[in-house]
Amino acid sequence: RKEEEEEGSTCKSLQEVILIRCQSEYIHQHNQVISSHNDQQLHNTLMHLTFSN
């Protein structure tokens, strides 16, 4: 009876670890997308400023 409970809690904590890993991986990729998008915008702005002068 006690072993079953422990097994259940192990499964639960594993799921939490996997979920946290997935979330942090997603956030990491999302941040990379945002930063590359910002780089592109910055590049466009610089080009615009360079050509308008």
C-alpha atoms as a PDB file:
ATOM      1  CA  ARG A   1       0.000   0.000   0.000  1.00  0.00           C
ATOM      2  CA  LYS A   2       2.770   2.428   0.951  1.00  0.00           C
ATOM      3  CA  GLU A   3       4.903   1.404  -2.025  1.00  0.00           C
ATOM      4  CA  GLU A   4       2.084   2.257  -4.423  1.00  0.00           C
ATOM      5  CA  GLU A   5       1.830   5.754  -2.955  1.00  0.00           C
ATOM      6  CA  GLU A   6       5.570   6.289  -3.293  1.00  0.00           C
ATOM      7  CA  GLU A   7       5.496   5.090  -6.879  1.00  0.00           C
ATOM      8  CA  GLY A   8       2.664   7.493  -7.620  1.00  0.00           C
ATOM      9  CA  SER A   9       4.543  10.438  -6.155  1.00  0.00           C
ATOM     10  CA  THR A  10       7.653   9.486  -8.141  1.00  0.00           C
ATOM     11  CA  CYS A  11       5.599   9.544 -11.341  1.00  0.00           C
ATOM     12  CA  LYS A  12       4.142  12.894 -10.397  1.00  0.00           C
ATOM     13  CA  SER A  13       7.529  14.480  -9.706  1.00  0.00           C
ATOM     14  CA  LEU A  14       8.878  13.059 -12.968  1.00  0.00           C
ATOM     15  CA  GLN A  15       5.995  14.642 -14.851  1.00  0.00           C
ATOM     16  CA  GLU A  16       6.728  17.959 -13.147  1.00  0.00           C
ATOM     17  CA  VAL A  17      10.405  17.767 -14.076  1.00  0.00           C
ATOM     18  CA  ILE A  18       9.536  16.986 -17.694  1.00  0.00           C
ATOM     19  CA  LEU A  19       7.003  19.814 -17.779  1.00  0.00           C
ATOM     20  CA  ILE A  20       9.509  22.305 -16.362  1.00  0.00           C
ATOM     21  CA  ARG A  21      12.131  21.178 -18.880  1.00  0.00           C
ATOM     22  CA  CYS A  22       9.683  21.555 -21.750  1.00  0.00           C
ATOM     23  CA  GLN A  23       8.647  25.000 -20.554  1.00  0.00           C
ATOM     24  CA  SER A  24      12.218  26.237 -20.136  1.00  0.00           C
ATOM     25  CA  GLU A  25      13.159  24.821 -23.551  1.00  0.00           C
ATOM     26  CA  TYR A  26      10.131  26.535 -25.092  1.00  0.00           C
ATOM     27  CA  ILE A  27      10.940  29.829 -23.375  1.00  0.00           C
ATOM     28  CA  HIS A  28      14.560  29.554 -24.519  1.00  0.00           C
ATOM     29  CA  GLN A  29      13.540  29.011 -28.150  1.00  0.00           C
ATOM     30  CA  HIS A  30      10.921  31.759 -27.886  1.00  0.00           C
ATOM     31  CA  ASN A  31      13.542  34.200 -26.583  1.00  0.00           C
ATOM     32  CA  GLN A  32      15.861  33.305 -29.458  1.00  0.00           C
ATOM     33  CA  VAL A  33      13.060  34.033 -31.919  1.00  0.00           C
ATOM     34  CA  ILE A  34      12.348  37.362 -30.231  1.00  0.00           C
ATOM     35  CA  SER A  35      16.006  38.388 -30.171  1.00  0.00           C
ATOM     36  CA  SER A  36      16.536  37.484 -33.826  1.00  0.00           C
ATOM     37  CA  HIS A  37      13.363  39.424 -34.682  1.00  0.00           C
ATOM     38  CA  ASN A  38      14.704  42.424 -32.737  1.00  0.00           C
ATOM     39  CA  ASP A  39      18.035  42.135 -34.563  1.00  0.00           C
ATOM     40  CA  GLN A  40      16.180  42.250 -37.860  1.00  0.00           C
ATOM     41  CA  GLN A  41      14.226  45.320 -36.787  1.00  0.00           C
ATOM     42  CA  LEU A  42      17.388  46.997 -35.550  1.00  0.00           C
ATOM     43  CA  HIS A  43      19.096  46.204 -38.836  1.00  0.00           C
ATOM     44  CA  ASN A  44      16.177  47.643 -40.817  1.00  0.00           C
ATOM     45  CA  THR A  45      16.165  50.785 -38.682  1.00  0.00           C
ATOM     46  CA  LEU A  46      19.889  51.281 -39.144  1.00  0.00           C
ATOM     47  CA  MET A  47      19.615  50.803 -42.900  1.00  0.00           C
ATOM     48  CA  HIS A  48      16.739  53.255 -42.992  1.00  0.00           C
ATOM     49  CA  LEU A  49      18.706  55.861 -41.014  1.00  0.00           C
ATOM     50  CA  THR A  50      21.783  55.336 -43.157  1.00  0.00           C
ATOM     51  CA  PHE A  51      19.920  55.809 -46.419  1.00  0.00           C
ATOM     52  CA  SER A  52      17.784  58.724 -45.258  1.00  0.00           C
ATOM     53  CA  ASN A  53      20.806  60.843 -44.326  1.00  0.00           C
END
